[in-house]
Amino acid sequence: MVEKISFFDAISANKRNSILLIFLLSLIFLAAVWAISYIYDFGICGPVLGFFALLFYSAIMFYSGDRVLLSLSGAREVDKKEFPFLYNVVEGLAIASNIPMPKLYVIDDPSPNAFATGRDPQHASLAVTTGLLQMMKREELEGVVAHEISHIANYDIRFMMIAVVFVGAIALLSDIAWRTMRFGGFSGGRDRRGGAGILAIIAIALMILAPISAELIRFAISRQREYLADANGAKLTRYPEGLASALEKITKAGIPVQRASDATAPLYIASPFPKKMSFLFATHPDPKERISRLRAM
């Protein structure tokens, strides 16, 4: 049985955990930059080039990531005339959260699910599936929308974008290192040292382990932000049972989202691949645990 907790304790705990995980991810990135610099004897140029590459990649994701994700998901923008009930629910909760009304999108898909995207509350979008609209009662839809509004208000999309950028950059560094080593081996650094040595072995091990570790941390961050949005959403509606009931229905339905991908999966309120759940590699917490925590609030 889950111990009774307050909205505020749950929110604070998940914020601390998320920041710690991002800190670990940044340390792994620095370790990967050091490793590739050591292996190829880049010196100070390695960290400098790594920093600017990270900035460039971040800028692309920051300004165009949401449009790409909405397009990949098959989402179409809708207005108040087409979906007045949905519009009123979103508008009311956006006002309660003191954020601008996000753009509304609908995905023609029988799977009950939803996600939010956008770099900040001023450039946010909220997408729901037709399956969600057909299956949920008003208080359940409010719970789902409150969860997604909380993602927007908490800058969770930006937070996850940072994690994705770090993971992508680490994977790219590792890939470059292995491809170069296949054709040219170590550079001048090895020649001066008379062999790879212990540091070179550590550097190679880091290039192997860094992408795996970074991916695991990204999944852990995603799970923490889901818990945080659950707690914030429950605080917003003051009715945790609405979201708990919605998650039960989504889990029981067990219908995969047709156009979901590994890139878009972390955005959804529940895993769009319900049969691919595993602990370490899950983008979402265990639905039963989420429901238990909500009902303990």
Protein backbone atom coordinates (compact mmCIF):
# COMPACT_ATOMS: atom_id res chain seq x y z
CA MET A 1 0.00 0.00 0.00
CA VAL A 2 1.33 3.44 -0.97
CA GLU A 3 1.71 5.88 1.92
CA LYS A 4 -0.44 9.00 1.77
CA ILE A 5 1.48 11.98 0.38
CA SER A 6 0.65 15.57 -0.47
CA PHE A 7 0.66 17.09 -3.95
CA PHE A 8 3.51 19.37 -2.93
CA ASP A 9 5.77 16.64 -1.50
CA ALA A 10 5.33 14.55 -4.66
CA ILE A 11 6.11 17.55 -6.88
CA SER A 12 9.25 18.53 -4.91
CA ALA A 13 10.61 14.97 -4.86
CA ASN A 14 10.21 14.48 -8.60
CA LYS A 15 11.79 17.86 -9.42
CA ARG A 16 14.85 16.95 -7.34
CA ASN A 17 15.14 13.55 -9.01
CA SER A 18 14.84 15.07 -12.49
CA ILE A 19 17.56 17.66 -11.86
CA LEU A 20 19.88 14.97 -10.47
CA LEU A 21 19.37 12.82 -13.56
CA ILE A 22 20.09 15.73 -15.93
CA PHE A 23 23.26 16.42 -13.93
CA LEU A 24 24.33 12.78 -14.39
CA LEU A 25 23.58 13.02 -18.10
CA SER A 26 25.77 16.12 -18.44
CA LEU A 27 28.61 14.29 -16.63
CA ILE A 28 28.34 11.39 -19.08
CA PHE A 29 28.50 13.86 -22.00
CA LEU A 30 31.64 15.47 -20.54
CA ALA A 31 33.17 12.01 -20.03
CA ALA A 32 32.41 11.10 -23.66
CA VAL A 33 33.98 14.36 -24.88
CA TRP A 34 37.08 13.69 -22.77
CA ALA A 35 37.28 10.11 -24.07
CA ILE A 36 37.17 11.05 -27.75
CA SER A 37 39.61 13.93 -27.14
CA TYR A 38 42.05 11.58 -25.43
CA ILE A 39 41.77 8.80 -28.01
CA TYR A 40 42.43 11.16 -30.93
CA ASP A 41 44.65 13.66 -29.12
CA PHE A 42 42.36 16.64 -29.85
CA GLY A 43 43.46 18.46 -26.72
CA ILE A 44 41.36 21.52 -25.85
CA CYS A 45 39.81 21.48 -29.34
CA GLY A 46 37.75 18.40 -28.43
CA PRO A 47 35.67 19.97 -25.64
CA VAL A 48 35.30 23.23 -27.61
CA LEU A 49 34.05 21.44 -30.75
CA GLY A 50 31.78 19.25 -28.60
CA PHE A 51 30.27 22.33 -26.97
CA PHE A 52 29.50 24.07 -30.27
CA ALA A 53 28.12 20.87 -31.81
CA LEU A 54 25.80 20.54 -28.81
CA LEU A 55 24.63 24.15 -29.24
CA PHE A 56 23.90 23.62 -32.92
CA TYR A 57 21.97 20.41 -32.31
CA SER A 58 20.05 22.09 -29.46
CA ALA A 59 19.03 25.01 -31.67
CA ILE A 60 17.59 22.70 -34.34
CA MET A 61 15.60 20.73 -31.75
CA PHE A 62 14.49 23.88 -29.92
CA TYR A 63 12.98 25.65 -32.93
CA SER A 64 11.68 22.82 -35.10
CA GLY A 65 11.24 19.77 -32.87
CA ASP A 66 7.54 20.29 -32.10
CA ARG A 67 6.51 20.66 -35.76
CA VAL A 68 8.38 17.50 -36.68
CA LEU A 69 6.81 15.51 -33.84
CA LEU A 70 3.25 16.66 -34.67
CA SER A 71 3.79 15.78 -38.32
CA LEU A 72 5.20 12.34 -37.47
CA SER A 73 2.16 11.69 -35.25
CA GLY A 74 -0.36 12.53 -37.96
CA ALA A 75 -1.90 15.28 -35.82
CA ARG A 76 -4.20 17.85 -37.42
CA GLU A 77 -5.01 21.22 -35.89
CA VAL A 78 -8.63 21.73 -34.79
CA ASP A 79 -10.67 24.66 -33.48
CA LYS A 80 -13.49 25.37 -31.04
CA LYS A 81 -16.21 24.89 -33.67
CA GLU A 82 -15.09 21.36 -34.46
CA PHE A 83 -14.41 20.20 -30.88
CA PRO A 84 -16.16 22.64 -28.49
CA PHE A 85 -16.13 20.27 -25.49
CA LEU A 86 -12.40 19.55 -25.76
CA TYR A 87 -11.65 23.24 -26.37
CA ASN A 88 -13.56 24.32 -23.25
CA VAL A 89 -11.80 21.75 -21.06
CA VAL A 90 -8.34 22.77 -22.31
CA GLU A 91 -9.12 26.49 -22.12
CA GLY A 92 -10.35 26.23 -18.53
CA LEU A 93 -7.32 24.30 -17.32
CA ALA A 94 -4.91 26.58 -19.20
CA ILE A 95 -6.47 29.58 -17.45
CA ALA A 96 -6.22 27.79 -14.09
CA SER A 97 -2.50 27.12 -14.79
CA ASN A 98 -1.94 30.73 -15.88
CA ILE A 99 -0.56 29.76 -19.29
CA PRO A 100 -1.73 30.72 -22.81
CA MET A 101 -4.22 28.44 -24.54
CA PRO A 102 -2.14 25.82 -26.42
CA LYS A 103 -2.91 24.95 -30.03
CA LEU A 104 -5.22 21.95 -30.22
CA TYR A 105 -4.58 18.89 -32.38
CA VAL A 106 -6.48 15.66 -32.89
CA ILE A 107 -5.01 12.36 -34.06
CA ASP A 108 -7.37 9.96 -35.82
CA ASP A 109 -6.48 6.85 -33.87
CA PRO A 110 -8.60 4.40 -31.82
CA SER A 111 -5.95 4.20 -29.08
CA PRO A 112 -6.81 6.44 -26.09
CA ASN A 113 -3.79 8.68 -25.62
CA ALA A 114 -2.56 12.30 -25.63
CA PHE A 115 0.63 14.36 -25.59
CA ALA A 116 1.88 17.93 -25.35
CA THR A 117 4.81 19.51 -27.16
CA GLY A 118 6.41 22.91 -27.67
CA ARG A 119 9.49 24.71 -26.37
CA ASP A 120 7.57 26.88 -23.87
CA PRO A 121 3.98 27.74 -22.84
CA GLN A 122 3.83 30.46 -25.51
CA HIS A 123 4.56 27.94 -28.29
CA ALA A 124 2.78 24.86 -26.96
CA SER A 125 0.50 22.33 -28.63
CA LEU A 126 -1.72 19.66 -27.13
CA ALA A 127 -2.79 16.61 -29.13
CA VAL A 128 -5.39 13.97 -28.23
CA THR A 129 -6.52 10.87 -30.08
CA THR A 130 -10.09 10.30 -31.20
CA GLY A 131 -9.99 7.13 -29.11
CA LEU A 132 -9.41 9.20 -25.97
CA LEU A 133 -12.32 11.53 -26.75
CA GLN A 134 -14.67 8.60 -27.33
CA MET A 135 -13.66 6.65 -24.22
CA MET A 136 -13.30 9.25 -21.45
CA LYS A 137 -15.90 10.83 -19.18
CA ARG A 138 -15.56 14.55 -18.51
CA GLU A 139 -13.62 14.20 -15.23
CA GLU A 140 -11.30 11.64 -16.86
CA LEU A 141 -10.66 13.88 -19.86
CA GLU A 142 -9.98 16.75 -17.45
CA GLY A 143 -7.45 14.56 -15.63
CA VAL A 144 -5.63 13.73 -18.88
CA VAL A 145 -5.67 17.34 -20.08
CA ALA A 146 -4.50 18.59 -16.65
CA HIS A 147 -1.56 16.17 -16.88
CA GLU A 148 -0.60 17.53 -20.32
CA ILE A 149 -1.15 21.15 -19.27
CA SER A 150 1.19 20.46 -16.35
CA HIS A 151 3.86 19.24 -18.79
CA ILE A 152 3.55 22.58 -20.58
CA ALA A 153 3.53 24.71 -17.42
CA ASN A 154 6.51 22.80 -15.99
CA TYR A 155 8.55 23.22 -19.21
CA ASP A 156 8.77 19.42 -19.31
CA ILE A 157 9.04 19.35 -23.10
CA ARG A 158 12.08 21.62 -22.96
CA PHE A 159 13.48 19.50 -20.11
CA MET A 160 13.07 16.31 -22.13
CA MET A 161 14.48 18.06 -25.20
CA ILE A 162 17.66 18.74 -23.21
CA ALA A 163 17.85 15.06 -22.32
CA VAL A 164 17.30 14.02 -25.94
CA VAL A 165 20.00 16.44 -27.14
CA PHE A 166 22.51 15.06 -24.63
CA VAL A 167 21.70 11.46 -25.53
CA GLY A 168 21.89 12.20 -29.27
CA ALA A 169 25.21 14.02 -28.89
CA ILE A 170 26.69 11.20 -26.79
CA ALA A 171 25.54 8.58 -29.31
CA LEU A 172 27.02 10.66 -32.16
CA LEU A 173 30.37 11.01 -30.39
CA SER A 174 30.50 7.27 -29.76
CA ASP A 175 29.58 6.47 -33.36
CA ILE A 176 32.25 8.85 -34.73
CA ALA A 177 34.85 7.30 -32.42
CA TRP A 178 34.12 3.73 -33.51
CA ARG A 179 33.92 4.52 -37.21
CA THR A 180 37.23 6.38 -37.08
CA MET A 181 38.94 3.67 -35.07
CA ARG A 182 37.86 1.04 -37.61
CA PHE A 183 39.74 2.82 -40.35
CA GLY A 184 42.57 4.63 -38.61
CA GLY A 185 42.94 3.37 -35.08
CA PHE A 186 44.38 5.74 -32.46
CA SER A 187 45.98 9.02 -33.47
CA GLY A 188 49.23 10.61 -32.43
CA GLY A 189 48.29 10.44 -28.76
CA ARG A 190 49.03 6.71 -28.70
CA ASP A 191 52.39 7.17 -30.42
CA ARG A 192 53.61 9.64 -27.83
CA ARG A 193 52.56 7.40 -24.96
CA GLY A 194 54.01 4.20 -26.42
CA GLY A 195 50.70 2.35 -26.23
CA ALA A 196 47.11 2.82 -25.25
CA GLY A 197 47.72 2.51 -21.53
CA ILE A 198 45.16 2.49 -18.74
CA LEU A 199 43.69 5.88 -19.67
CA ALA A 200 43.12 4.79 -23.26
CA ILE A 201 41.35 1.64 -22.06
CA ILE A 202 39.16 3.79 -19.79
CA ALA A 203 38.44 6.11 -22.71
CA ILE A 204 37.37 3.22 -24.95
CA ALA A 205 35.21 1.75 -22.17
CA LEU A 206 33.53 5.15 -21.78
CA MET A 207 32.72 5.29 -25.49
CA ILE A 208 31.05 1.89 -25.16
CA LEU A 209 29.15 2.56 -21.95
CA ALA A 210 28.27 6.25 -22.41
CA PRO A 211 25.46 5.80 -25.00
CA ILE A 212 23.87 2.94 -23.04
CA SER A 213 24.05 4.83 -19.73
CA ALA A 214 22.72 8.02 -21.32
CA GLU A 215 19.75 6.18 -22.83
CA LEU A 216 18.89 4.58 -19.49
CA ILE A 217 19.04 7.98 -17.78
CA ARG A 218 16.79 9.49 -20.47
CA PHE A 219 14.18 6.82 -19.77
CA ALA A 220 14.50 7.48 -16.03
CA ILE A 221 14.03 11.24 -16.59
CA SER A 222 10.96 10.55 -18.72
CA ARG A 223 9.44 8.44 -15.92
CA GLN A 224 10.17 11.11 -13.31
CA ARG A 225 8.53 13.83 -15.41
CA GLU A 226 5.44 11.64 -15.82
CA TYR A 227 5.16 11.28 -12.06
CA LEU A 228 5.62 15.04 -11.73
CA ALA A 229 2.90 15.79 -14.29
CA ASP A 230 0.58 13.32 -12.54
CA ALA A 231 1.06 15.13 -9.23
CA ASN A 232 0.69 18.59 -10.79
CA GLY A 233 -2.35 17.50 -12.78
CA ALA A 234 -4.00 16.14 -9.64
CA LYS A 235 -3.23 19.41 -7.85
CA LEU A 236 -4.73 21.37 -10.73
CA THR A 237 -8.06 19.52 -10.80
CA ARG A 238 -8.09 18.70 -7.06
CA TYR A 239 -9.48 15.34 -8.18
CA PRO A 240 -6.73 12.69 -8.54
CA GLU A 241 -9.34 9.99 -9.20
CA GLY A 242 -10.13 11.51 -12.61
CA LEU A 243 -6.62 10.87 -13.93
CA ALA A 244 -6.33 7.54 -12.08
CA SER A 245 -9.54 6.32 -13.73
CA ALA A 246 -8.36 7.55 -17.15
CA LEU A 247 -5.05 5.68 -16.78
CA GLU A 248 -6.97 2.53 -15.85
CA LYS A 249 -9.05 2.79 -19.01
CA ILE A 250 -5.99 3.46 -21.18
CA THR A 251 -4.15 0.48 -19.67
CA LYS A 252 -7.14 -1.82 -19.98
CA ALA A 253 -7.67 -0.85 -23.63
CA GLY A 254 -4.05 -1.81 -24.46
CA ILE A 255 -4.31 -0.43 -28.01
CA PRO A 256 -1.00 0.70 -29.59
CA VAL A 257 -0.89 4.16 -31.18
CA GLN A 258 -0.61 3.51 -34.91
CA ARG A 259 1.82 6.29 -35.86
CA ALA A 260 3.85 6.42 -32.66
CA SER A 261 7.61 5.92 -32.87
CA ASP A 262 10.54 5.67 -30.47
CA ALA A 263 11.05 9.43 -30.97
CA THR A 264 7.48 10.37 -29.99
CA ALA A 265 6.78 7.64 -27.40
CA PRO A 266 8.04 9.59 -24.32
CA LEU A 267 5.61 12.43 -25.08
CA TYR A 268 2.42 10.42 -24.63
CA ILE A 269 0.57 10.27 -21.31
CA ALA A 270 0.86 6.46 -21.42
CA SER A 271 3.19 4.25 -23.42
CA PRO A 272 1.93 4.04 -27.02
CA PHE A 273 3.46 0.54 -27.12
CA PRO A 274 1.65 -1.14 -24.18
CA LYS A 275 3.15 -4.58 -24.88
CA LYS A 276 6.75 -3.33 -24.92
CA MET A 277 6.93 -2.31 -21.26
CA SER A 278 10.11 -3.13 -19.32
CA PHE A 279 11.57 -1.53 -16.22
CA LEU A 280 14.90 -0.05 -17.34
CA PHE A 281 13.90 0.73 -20.93
CA ALA A 282 10.36 1.98 -20.25
CA THR A 283 9.56 5.58 -21.18
CA HIS A 284 6.69 5.59 -18.66
CA PRO A 285 6.30 4.36 -15.07
CA ASP A 286 4.31 1.24 -14.33
CA PRO A 287 0.62 2.24 -14.76
CA LYS A 288 -0.32 0.44 -11.54
CA GLU A 289 2.26 2.45 -9.61
CA ARG A 290 1.02 5.72 -11.12
CA ILE A 291 -2.57 4.88 -10.24
CA SER A 292 -1.61 3.89 -6.69
CA ARG A 293 0.28 7.15 -6.17
CA LEU A 294 -2.63 9.20 -7.48
CA ARG A 295 -5.09 7.47 -5.18
CA ALA A 296 -2.72 8.03 -2.24
CA MET A 297 -2.85 11.81 -2.74
